[in-house]
PDB file of N, CA and C in Angstrom:
ATOM      1  N   MET A   1      -0.316 -10.911  14.499  1.00  0.00           N
ATOM      2  CA  MET A   1      -1.112 -10.211  13.514  1.00  0.00           C
ATOM      3  C   MET A   1      -0.170  -9.406  12.627  1.00  0.00           C
ATOM      4  N   PRO A   2      -0.083  -9.732  11.334  1.00  0.00           N
ATOM      5  CA  PRO A   2       0.766  -8.963  10.428  1.00  0.00           C
ATOM      6  C   PRO A   2       0.151  -7.597  10.127  1.00  0.00           C
ATOM      7  N   ILE A   3       1.024  -6.607  10.091  1.00  0.00           N
ATOM      8  CA  ILE A   3       0.629  -5.269   9.671  1.00  0.00           C
ATOM      9  C   ILE A   3       1.531  -4.898   8.499  1.00  0.00           C
ATOM     10  N   VAL A   4       0.923  -4.606   7.367  1.00  0.00           N
ATOM     11  CA  VAL A   4       1.655  -4.239   6.160  1.00  0.00           C
ATOM     12  C   VAL A   4       1.446  -2.750   5.917  1.00  0.00           C
ATOM     13  N   THR A   5       2.541  -2.023   5.712  1.00  0.00           N
ATOM     14  CA  THR A   5       2.445  -0.596   5.408  1.00  0.00           C
ATOM     15  C   THR A   5       2.863  -0.373   3.963  1.00  0.00           C
ATOM     16  N   VAL A   6       2.002   0.300   3.217  1.00  0.00           N
ATOM     17  CA  VAL A   6       2.277   0.637   1.827  1.00  0.00           C
ATOM     18  C   VAL A   6       2.455   2.150   1.752  1.00  0.00           C
ATOM     19  N   LEU A   7       3.608   2.587   1.276  1.00  0.00           N
ATOM     20  CA  LEU A   7       3.881   4.005   1.074  1.00  0.00           C
ATOM     21  C   LEU A   7       3.796   4.265  -0.422  1.00  0.00           C
ATOM     22  N   GLN A   8       2.947   5.205  -0.804  1.00  0.00           N
ATOM     23  CA  GLN A   8       2.748   5.434  -2.236  1.00  0.00           C
ATOM     24  C   GLN A   8       2.176   6.820  -2.473  1.00  0.00           C
ATOM     25  N   GLY A   9       2.142   7.184  -3.734  1.00  0.00           N
ATOM     26  CA  GLY A   9       1.430   8.385  -4.142  1.00  0.00           C
ATOM     27  C   GLY A   9      -0.059   8.092  -4.185  1.00  0.00           C
ATOM     28  N   PRO A  10      -0.865   9.127  -4.313  1.00  0.00           N
ATOM     29  CA  PRO A  10      -2.323   8.942  -4.331  1.00  0.00           C
ATOM     30  C   PRO A  10      -2.774   8.003  -5.454  1.00  0.00           C
ATOM     31  N   ARG A  11      -3.740   7.155  -5.125  1.00  0.00           N
ATOM     32  CA  ARG A  11      -4.323   6.220  -6.081  1.00  0.00           C
ATOM     33  C   ARG A  11      -5.837   6.219  -5.910  1.00  0.00           C
ATOM     34  N   ASP A  12      -6.525   5.758  -6.931  1.00  0.00           N
ATOM     35  CA  ASP A  12      -7.973   5.616  -6.920  1.00  0.00           C
ATOM     36  C   ASP A  12      -8.383   4.595  -5.858  1.00  0.00           C
ATOM     37  N   ILE A  13      -9.520   4.811  -5.223  1.00  0.00           N
ATOM     38  CA  ILE A  13      -9.973   3.925  -4.149  1.00  0.00           C
ATOM     39  C   ILE A  13     -10.193   2.488  -4.630  1.00  0.00           C
ATOM     40  N   GLU A  14     -10.627   2.309  -5.866  1.00  0.00           N
ATOM     41  CA  GLU A  14     -10.815   0.940  -6.375  1.00  0.00           C
ATOM     42  C   GLU A  14      -9.482   0.206  -6.470  1.00  0.00           C
ATOM     43  N   LEU A  15      -8.425   0.903  -6.875  1.00  0.00           N
ATOM     44  CA  LEU A  15      -7.106   0.276  -6.925  1.00  0.00           C
ATOM     45  C   LEU A  15      -6.634  -0.091  -5.522  1.00  0.00           C
ATOM     46  N   LYS A  16      -6.920   0.768  -4.551  1.00  0.00           N
ATOM     47  CA  LYS A  16      -6.521   0.477  -3.172  1.00  0.00           C
ATOM     48  C   LYS A  16      -7.300  -0.708  -2.615  1.00  0.00           C
ATOM     49  N   ARG A  17      -8.569  -0.812  -2.947  1.00  0.00           N
ATOM     50  CA  ARG A  17      -9.356  -1.981  -2.506  1.00  0.00           C
ATOM     51  C   ARG A  17      -8.746  -3.270  -3.042  1.00  0.00           C
ATOM     52  N   GLU A  18      -8.392  -3.247  -4.314  1.00  0.00           N
ATOM     53  CA  GLU A  18      -7.790  -4.433  -4.949  1.00  0.00           C
ATOM     54  C   GLU A  18      -6.446  -4.762  -4.303  1.00  0.00           C
ATOM     55  N   LEU A  19      -5.642  -3.759  -4.050  1.00  0.00           N
ATOM     56  CA  LEU A  19      -4.335  -3.980  -3.428  1.00  0.00           C
ATOM     57  C   LEU A  19      -4.483  -4.597  -2.043  1.00  0.00           C
ATOM     58  N   VAL A  20      -5.374  -4.050  -1.229  1.00  0.00           N
ATOM     59  CA  VAL A  20      -5.599  -4.575   0.128  1.00  0.00           C
ATOM     60  C   VAL A  20      -6.063  -6.036   0.056  1.00  0.00           C
ATOM     61  N   ALA A  21      -6.948  -6.344  -0.853  1.00  0.00           N
ATOM     62  CA  ALA A  21      -7.432  -7.728  -0.991  1.00  0.00           C
ATOM     63  C   ALA A  21      -6.295  -8.665  -1.388  1.00  0.00           C
ATOM     64  N   ARG A  22      -5.477  -8.241  -2.323  1.00  0.00           N
ATOM     65  CA  ARG A  22      -4.381  -9.111  -2.784  1.00  0.00           C
ATOM     66  C   ARG A  22      -3.308  -9.302  -1.720  1.00  0.00           C
ATOM     67  N   ILE A  23      -2.971  -8.232  -1.024  1.00  0.00           N
ATOM     68  CA  ILE A  23      -1.979  -8.361   0.052  1.00  0.00           C
ATOM     69  C   ILE A  23      -2.508  -9.286   1.140  1.00  0.00           C
ATOM     70  N   THR A  24      -3.765  -9.114   1.513  1.00  0.00           N
ATOM     71  CA  THR A  24      -4.374  -9.983   2.523  1.00  0.00           C
ATOM     72  C   THR A  24      -4.336 -11.431   2.070  1.00  0.00           C
ATOM     73  N   ASP A  25      -4.736 -11.684   0.826  1.00  0.00           N
ATOM     74  CA  ASP A  25      -4.718 -13.054   0.300  1.00  0.00           C
ATOM     75  C   ASP A  25      -3.314 -13.652   0.326  1.00  0.00           C
ATOM     76  N   ALA A  26      -2.303 -12.846   0.036  1.00  0.00           N
ATOM     77  CA  ALA A  26      -0.922 -13.340   0.035  1.00  0.00           C
ATOM     78  C   ALA A  26      -0.512 -13.801   1.439  1.00  0.00           C
ATOM     79  N   PHE A  27      -0.887 -13.036   2.459  1.00  0.00           N
ATOM     80  CA  PHE A  27      -0.556 -13.441   3.822  1.00  0.00           C
ATOM     81  C   PHE A  27      -1.347 -14.660   4.254  1.00  0.00           C
ATOM     82  N   VAL A  28      -2.602 -14.724   3.880  1.00  0.00           N
ATOM     83  CA  VAL A  28      -3.416 -15.894   4.208  1.00  0.00           C
ATOM     84  C   VAL A  28      -2.803 -17.143   3.579  1.00  0.00           C
ATOM     85  N   ASP A  29      -2.409 -17.047   2.316  1.00  0.00           N
ATOM     86  CA  ASP A  29      -1.810 -18.196   1.625  1.00  0.00           C
ATOM     87  C   ASP A  29      -0.442 -18.574   2.191  1.00  0.00           C
ATOM     88  N   ALA A  30       0.407 -17.578   2.432  1.00  0.00           N
ATOM     89  CA  ALA A  30       1.772 -17.854   2.863  1.00  0.00           C
ATOM     90  C   ALA A  30       1.863 -18.283   4.321  1.00  0.00           C
ATOM     91  N   TYR A  31       1.096 -17.641   5.189  1.00  0.00           N
ATOM     92  CA  TYR A  31       1.205 -17.896   6.620  1.00  0.00           C
ATOM     93  C   TYR A  31       0.108 -18.788   7.177  1.00  0.00           C
ATOM     94  N   LYS A  32      -0.873 -19.093   6.330  1.00  0.00           N
ATOM     95  CA  LYS A  32      -1.997 -19.940   6.777  1.00  0.00           C
ATOM     96  C   LYS A  32      -2.688 -19.340   8.000  1.00  0.00           C
ATOM     97  N   ILE A  33      -3.017 -18.055   7.893  1.00  0.00           N
ATOM     98  CA  ILE A  33      -3.678 -17.332   8.983  1.00  0.00           C
ATOM     99  C   ILE A  33      -5.025 -16.813   8.493  1.00  0.00           C
ATOM    100  N   PRO A  34      -5.927 -16.495   9.414  1.00  0.00           N
ATOM    101  CA  PRO A  34      -7.224 -15.943   9.010  1.00  0.00           C
ATOM    102  C   PRO A  34      -7.057 -14.523   8.436  1.00  0.00           C
ATOM    103  N   ALA A  35      -7.861 -14.209   7.450  1.00  0.00           N
ATOM    104  CA  ALA A  35      -7.806 -12.898   6.809  1.00  0.00           C
ATOM    105  C   ALA A  35      -8.042 -11.765   7.798  1.00  0.00           C
ATOM    106  N   ASP A  36      -8.859 -12.001   8.803  1.00  0.00           N
ATOM    107  CA  ASP A  36      -9.164 -10.917   9.733  1.00  0.00           C
ATOM    108  C   ASP A  36      -8.017 -10.575  10.674  1.00  0.00           C
ATOM    109  N   THR A  37      -6.910 -11.300  10.573  1.00  0.00           N
ATOM    110  CA  THR A  37      -5.732 -10.955  11.374  1.00  0.00           C
ATOM    111  C   THR A  37      -4.740 -10.082  10.609  1.00  0.00           C
ATOM    112  N   VAL A  38      -4.993  -9.861   9.333  1.00  0.00           N
ATOM    113  CA  VAL A  38      -4.078  -9.078   8.490  1.00  0.00           C
ATOM    114  C   VAL A  38      -4.568  -7.633   8.412  1.00  0.00           C
ATOM    115  N   GLN A  39      -3.662  -6.708   8.696  1.00  0.00           N
ATOM    116  CA  GLN A  39      -3.976  -5.287   8.555  1.00  0.00           C
ATOM    117  C   GLN A  39      -3.082  -4.692   7.470  1.00  0.00           C
ATOM    118  N   VAL A  40      -3.667  -3.854   6.626  1.00  0.00           N
ATOM    119  CA  VAL A  40      -2.910  -3.161   5.586  1.00  0.00           C
ATOM    120  C   VAL A  40      -3.148  -1.672   5.771  1.00  0.00           C
ATOM    121  N   TRP A  41      -2.061  -0.934   5.956  1.00  0.00           N
ATOM    122  CA  TRP A  41      -2.138   0.513   6.112  1.00  0.00           C
ATOM    123  C   TRP A  41      -1.566   1.154   4.856  1.00  0.00           C
ATOM    124  N   ILE A  42      -2.321   2.039   4.257  1.00  0.00           N
ATOM    125  CA  ILE A  42      -1.852   2.752   3.069  1.00  0.00           C
ATOM    126  C   ILE A  42      -1.599   4.198   3.461  1.00  0.00           C
ATOM    127  N   GLN A  43      -0.368   4.622   3.276  1.00  0.00           N
ATOM    128  CA  GLN A  43       0.003   6.008   3.533  1.00  0.00           C
ATOM    129  C   GLN A  43       0.305   6.663   2.186  1.00  0.00           C
ATOM    130  N   GLU A  44      -0.488   7.651   1.846  1.00  0.00           N
ATOM    131  CA  GLU A  44      -0.310   8.331   0.565  1.00  0.00           C
ATOM    132  C   GLU A  44       0.366   9.680   0.762  1.00  0.00           C
ATOM    133  N   THR A  45       1.320   9.943  -0.085  1.00  0.00           N
ATOM    134  CA  THR A  45       2.045  11.197  -0.049  1.00  0.00           C
ATOM    135  C   THR A  45       1.842  11.907  -1.382  1.00  0.00           C
ATOM    136  N   PRO A  46       1.445  13.165  -1.362  1.00  0.00           N
ATOM    137  CA  PRO A  46       1.262  13.894  -2.615  1.00  0.00           C
ATOM    138  C   PRO A  46       2.580  14.029  -3.380  1.00  0.00           C
ATOM    139  N   ALA A  47       2.468  14.139  -4.689  1.00  0.00           N
ATOM    140  CA  ALA A  47       3.649  14.208  -5.557  1.00  0.00           C
ATOM    141  C   ALA A  47       4.536  15.403  -5.250  1.00  0.00           C
ATOM    142  N   ASP A  48       3.989  16.439  -4.635  1.00  0.00           N
ATOM    143  CA  ASP A  48       4.826  17.606  -4.302  1.00  0.00           C
ATOM    144  C   ASP A  48       5.498  17.461  -2.934  1.00  0.00           C
ATOM    145  N   SER A  49       5.343  16.297  -2.306  1.00  0.00           N
ATOM    146  CA  SER A  49       5.939  16.078  -0.988  1.00  0.00           C
ATOM    147  C   SER A  49       6.951  14.954  -0.965  1.00  0.00           C
ATOM    148  N   TRP A  50       7.383  14.471  -2.118  1.00  0.00           N
ATOM    149  CA  TRP A  50       8.434  13.448  -2.174  1.00  0.00           C
ATOM    150  C   TRP A  50       9.156  13.539  -3.507  1.00  0.00           C
ATOM    151  N   GLY A  51      10.344  13.030  -3.536  1.00  0.00           N
ATOM    152  CA  GLY A  51      11.132  13.132  -4.754  1.00  0.00           C
ATOM    153  C   GLY A  51      12.053  11.948  -4.931  1.00  0.00           C
ATOM    154  N   ALA A  52      12.658  11.896  -6.111  1.00  0.00           N
ATOM    155  CA  ALA A  52      13.632  10.861  -6.439  1.00  0.00           C
ATOM    156  C   ALA A  52      14.615  11.447  -7.440  1.00  0.00           C
ATOM    157  N   ALA A  53      15.842  11.002  -7.363  1.00  0.00           N
ATOM    158  CA  ALA A  53      16.894  11.435  -8.292  1.00  0.00           C
ATOM    159  C   ALA A  53      17.049  12.956  -8.298  1.00  0.00           C
ATOM    160  N   GLY A  54      16.857  13.560  -7.138  1.00  0.00           N
ATOM    161  CA  GLY A  54      17.075  14.986  -7.004  1.00  0.00           C
ATOM    162  C   GLY A  54      15.949  15.885  -7.476  1.00  0.00           C
ATOM    163  N   LYS A  55      14.797  15.297  -7.816  1.00  0.00           N
ATOM    164  CA  LYS A  55      13.665  16.089  -8.302  1.00  0.00           C
ATOM    165  C   LYS A  55      12.378  15.693  -7.600  1.00  0.00           C
ATOM    166  N   LEU A  56      11.505  16.669  -7.400  1.00  0.00           N
ATOM    167  CA  LEU A  56      10.181  16.350  -6.881  1.00  0.00           C
ATOM    168  C   LEU A  56       9.437  15.482  -7.893  1.00  0.00           C
ATOM    169  N   THR A  57       8.693  14.553  -7.398  1.00  0.00           N
ATOM    170  CA  THR A  57       7.901  13.702  -8.277  1.00  0.00           C
ATOM    171  C   THR A  57       6.916  14.536  -9.096  1.00  0.00           C
ATOM    172  N   ALA A  58       6.404  15.615  -8.495  1.00  0.00           N
ATOM    173  CA  ALA A  58       5.467  16.486  -9.190  1.00  0.00           C
ATOM    174  C   ALA A  58       6.100  17.163 -10.417  1.00  0.00           C
ATOM    175  N   ASP A  59       7.428  17.285 -10.427  1.00  0.00           N
ATOM    176  CA  ASP A  59       8.117  17.945 -11.540  1.00  0.00           C
ATOM    177  C   ASP A  59       8.527  16.985 -12.638  1.00  0.00           C
ATOM    178  N   ARG A  60       8.236  15.720 -12.479  1.00  0.00           N
ATOM    179  CA  ARG A  60       8.648  14.738 -13.501  1.00  0.00           C
ATOM    180  C   ARG A  60       7.645  14.637 -14.598  1.00  0.00           C
TER     181      ARG A  60
END
């Protein structure tokens, strides 16, 4: 059973629904497995809790 973890900033629930559907479809197509065996975990981190290039994302 594949488990996919997505690390990202907060997103709208409709965008997350679409992402989960597309990731699931990609595994079904590539691995020829049933959709109900694919799990997608979305971990959201607020912009004030992560950074890049020496700056908080919230400050960009």
